[in-house]
Amino acid sequence: MTNDHDAMISQCAALYNLDPVLVKAVVEQESNGNTFAFRPERGYRYLWNVETNKPYQPSSAQIATNIVPPDFPFLGAGRAAEYDGQRASWGLMQVMGAVARELQFRDPYLSALCEPALGLVYGCKHLAKAIKRTVGNAEKALSIYNSGRPDSPQGAAYASEVLRRYNRLSKG
């Protein structure tokens, strides 16, 4: 990963009272600094209703078959683009589209999260919210950032890897 985004990372981390080295470790883990990183996650179950500003609950059949619910609300890019976009991670910090929507991202195109400054804002918002939820426990917060839960085995493995990167980056 290059240092191209260091100034933006530091600025955004400061906005949310985050350690910039921790944010850089997340960026390195998630995208290795690739601003156009994109990862669809077709089985992702957490979706956000942009009309009611509450979670949207698709049926198991809709998730399993990837059928776009006919009532799924969208902002402007189209129903299918919104549905698929919420179930993908975007940009430097690989923010899930649904998480960005929950955090009030209102651009009609979730791909805008690949713009470095914008993706960093929403990634830092998400990480800061997780840190607050865990009362500063970085390991549990990183697990939430990755899996949505503080006690997930997948999240724990992710947290361990990010903290390994953090330790390496802290040493300069």
Protein backbone atom coordinates (compact mmCIF):
# COMPACT_ATOMS: atom_id res chain seq x y z
CA MET A 1 0.00 0.00 0.00
CA THR A 2 1.28 3.47 -0.84
CA ASN A 3 1.09 6.54 1.37
CA ASP A 4 -1.17 8.36 -1.13
CA HIS A 5 -4.06 8.54 1.30
CA ASP A 6 -2.22 9.26 4.56
CA ALA A 7 -3.30 12.92 4.82
CA MET A 8 -6.96 12.06 4.18
CA ILE A 9 -6.78 9.18 6.64
CA SER A 10 -5.34 11.46 9.33
CA GLN A 11 -7.95 14.17 8.71
CA CYS A 12 -10.86 11.76 8.74
CA ALA A 13 -9.57 9.88 11.78
CA ALA A 14 -9.31 13.19 13.64
CA LEU A 15 -12.94 14.03 12.77
CA TYR A 16 -14.08 10.89 14.58
CA ASN A 17 -11.42 10.86 17.32
CA LEU A 18 -9.83 7.71 15.92
CA ASP A 19 -6.21 6.64 15.89
CA PRO A 20 -5.07 7.28 12.30
CA VAL A 21 -2.77 4.26 12.46
CA LEU A 22 -5.77 2.06 13.26
CA VAL A 23 -7.69 3.53 10.32
CA LYS A 24 -4.67 2.95 8.07
CA ALA A 25 -4.49 -0.67 9.29
CA VAL A 26 -8.18 -1.14 8.37
CA VAL A 27 -7.57 0.41 4.94
CA GLU A 28 -4.58 -1.87 4.38
CA GLN A 29 -6.57 -4.93 5.46
CA GLU A 30 -9.69 -4.06 3.48
CA SER A 31 -8.41 -2.67 0.17
CA ASN A 32 -4.64 -2.35 0.35
CA GLY A 33 -5.20 1.27 -0.66
CA ASN A 34 -7.20 0.52 -3.82
CA THR A 35 -9.80 3.27 -4.03
CA PHE A 36 -11.90 1.23 -6.48
CA ALA A 37 -12.09 -1.89 -4.34
CA PHE A 38 -15.52 -3.50 -4.62
CA ARG A 39 -16.78 -6.79 -3.26
CA PRO A 40 -20.30 -8.15 -3.79
CA GLU A 41 -21.61 -10.27 -0.95
CA ARG A 42 -24.76 -11.91 -2.33
CA GLY A 43 -25.63 -13.66 0.94
CA TYR A 44 -25.43 -10.47 3.00
CA ARG A 45 -28.66 -10.21 4.99
CA TYR A 46 -28.54 -6.74 6.54
CA LEU A 47 -30.31 -4.19 4.34
CA TRP A 48 -31.47 -0.65 5.02
CA ASN A 49 -34.80 0.91 4.13
CA VAL A 50 -33.96 4.39 2.83
CA GLU A 51 -37.60 5.50 3.14
CA THR A 52 -38.28 4.56 6.77
CA ASN A 53 -34.65 4.84 7.93
CA LYS A 54 -34.93 1.41 9.57
CA PRO A 55 -33.62 -2.06 8.75
CA TYR A 56 -35.31 -3.79 5.81
CA GLN A 57 -36.11 -7.50 6.27
CA PRO A 58 -36.00 -9.52 3.06
CA SER A 59 -37.32 -13.07 3.17
CA SER A 60 -34.89 -16.00 3.25
CA ALA A 61 -36.11 -16.98 -0.22
CA GLN A 62 -35.27 -13.54 -1.57
CA ILE A 63 -31.77 -13.71 -0.11
CA ALA A 64 -31.18 -17.29 -1.31
CA THR A 65 -32.38 -16.59 -4.86
CA ASN A 66 -31.16 -13.00 -5.09
CA ILE A 67 -34.64 -11.88 -6.08
CA VAL A 68 -34.97 -8.12 -5.69
CA PRO A 69 -38.07 -7.48 -3.57
CA PRO A 70 -40.61 -5.47 -5.56
CA ASP A 71 -41.10 -3.14 -2.59
CA PHE A 72 -37.40 -2.55 -1.90
CA PRO A 73 -36.95 1.24 -1.62
CA PHE A 74 -34.19 2.98 -3.54
CA LEU A 75 -32.84 6.49 -3.95
CA GLY A 76 -32.29 6.93 -7.66
CA ALA A 77 -30.03 4.33 -9.21
CA GLY A 78 -32.85 1.79 -9.49
CA ARG A 79 -34.25 -0.93 -7.27
CA ALA A 80 -31.83 -3.66 -8.36
CA ALA A 81 -28.78 -1.37 -8.17
CA GLU A 82 -29.73 -0.33 -4.64
CA TYR A 83 -30.40 -3.91 -3.52
CA ASP A 84 -27.13 -5.23 -4.92
CA GLY A 85 -25.22 -2.11 -3.89
CA GLN A 86 -26.27 -2.46 -0.28
CA ARG A 87 -24.96 -6.04 -0.32
CA ALA A 88 -21.49 -5.00 -1.50
CA SER A 89 -18.52 -3.36 0.17
CA TRP A 90 -16.98 -0.27 -1.36
CA GLY A 91 -13.76 1.72 -1.41
CA LEU A 92 -10.75 2.05 0.84
CA MET A 93 -12.44 0.83 4.01
CA GLN A 94 -14.82 -1.57 2.23
CA VAL A 95 -17.93 -0.08 3.80
CA MET A 96 -21.03 -2.17 3.17
CA GLY A 97 -23.63 -0.24 1.19
CA ALA A 98 -26.34 -0.98 3.76
CA VAL A 99 -24.11 0.28 6.58
CA ALA A 100 -23.44 3.49 4.65
CA ARG A 101 -27.20 3.93 4.16
CA GLU A 102 -27.75 3.41 7.88
CA LEU A 103 -25.13 6.11 8.52
CA GLN A 104 -27.16 8.51 6.31
CA PHE A 105 -25.24 8.20 3.01
CA ARG A 106 -27.79 9.54 0.53
CA ASP A 107 -26.00 9.67 -2.82
CA PRO A 108 -28.14 7.73 -5.32
CA TYR A 109 -25.08 5.71 -6.33
CA LEU A 110 -23.35 3.64 -3.67
CA SER A 111 -20.30 3.45 -5.93
CA ALA A 112 -19.60 7.04 -4.81
CA LEU A 113 -18.14 5.41 -1.69
CA CYS A 114 -15.10 4.60 -3.85
CA GLU A 115 -14.24 8.31 -3.79
CA PRO A 116 -11.48 8.20 -1.15
CA ALA A 117 -12.57 11.05 1.12
CA LEU A 118 -16.21 9.94 1.10
CA GLY A 119 -15.41 6.28 1.72
CA LEU A 120 -13.09 7.23 4.56
CA VAL A 121 -15.79 9.38 6.20
CA TYR A 122 -18.30 6.53 6.23
CA GLY A 123 -15.69 3.94 7.22
CA CYS A 124 -14.53 6.14 10.10
CA LYS A 125 -18.13 6.81 11.17
CA HIS A 126 -18.75 3.05 11.25
CA LEU A 127 -15.54 2.32 13.16
CA ALA A 128 -16.15 5.15 15.66
CA LYS A 129 -19.67 3.86 16.30
CA ALA A 130 -18.27 0.36 16.95
CA ILE A 131 -15.60 1.71 19.31
CA LYS A 132 -18.23 3.67 21.23
CA ARG A 133 -20.44 0.57 21.43
CA THR A 134 -17.58 -1.47 22.90
CA VAL A 135 -16.42 1.32 25.24
CA GLY A 136 -13.06 1.55 23.49
CA ASN A 137 -12.29 -2.16 23.11
CA ALA A 138 -10.49 -2.14 19.75
CA GLU A 139 -10.64 -5.91 19.28
CA LYS A 140 -14.41 -6.10 19.78
CA ALA A 141 -14.94 -2.90 17.75
CA LEU A 142 -13.01 -4.35 14.82
CA SER A 143 -15.08 -7.52 15.08
CA ILE A 144 -18.23 -5.39 14.84
CA TYR A 145 -16.74 -3.44 11.93
CA ASN A 146 -16.20 -6.70 10.05
CA SER A 147 -19.07 -8.94 11.06
CA GLY A 148 -21.59 -6.78 12.86
CA ARG A 149 -21.04 -8.64 16.14
CA PRO A 150 -18.44 -8.26 18.91
CA ASP A 151 -18.24 -12.02 19.49
CA SER A 152 -18.06 -13.41 15.95
CA PRO A 153 -15.23 -15.93 15.23
CA GLN A 154 -14.84 -14.36 11.78
CA GLY A 155 -14.74 -10.91 13.36
CA ALA A 156 -12.19 -12.03 15.93
CA ALA A 157 -9.90 -13.34 13.19
CA TYR A 158 -10.33 -10.07 11.30
CA ALA A 159 -9.57 -8.02 14.43
CA SER A 160 -6.44 -10.05 15.07
CA GLU A 161 -5.17 -9.39 11.54
CA VAL A 162 -5.93 -5.66 11.68
CA LEU A 163 -4.22 -5.36 15.08
CA ARG A 164 -1.18 -7.21 13.71
CA ARG A 165 -1.05 -4.62 10.91
CA TYR A 166 -1.58 -1.83 13.44
CA ASN A 167 1.40 -3.00 15.50
CA ARG A 168 3.60 -3.16 12.39
CA LEU A 169 2.48 0.28 11.17
CA SER A 170 2.94 1.81 14.66
CA LYS A 171 6.59 0.88 14.60
CA GLY A 172 7.03 2.98 11.47
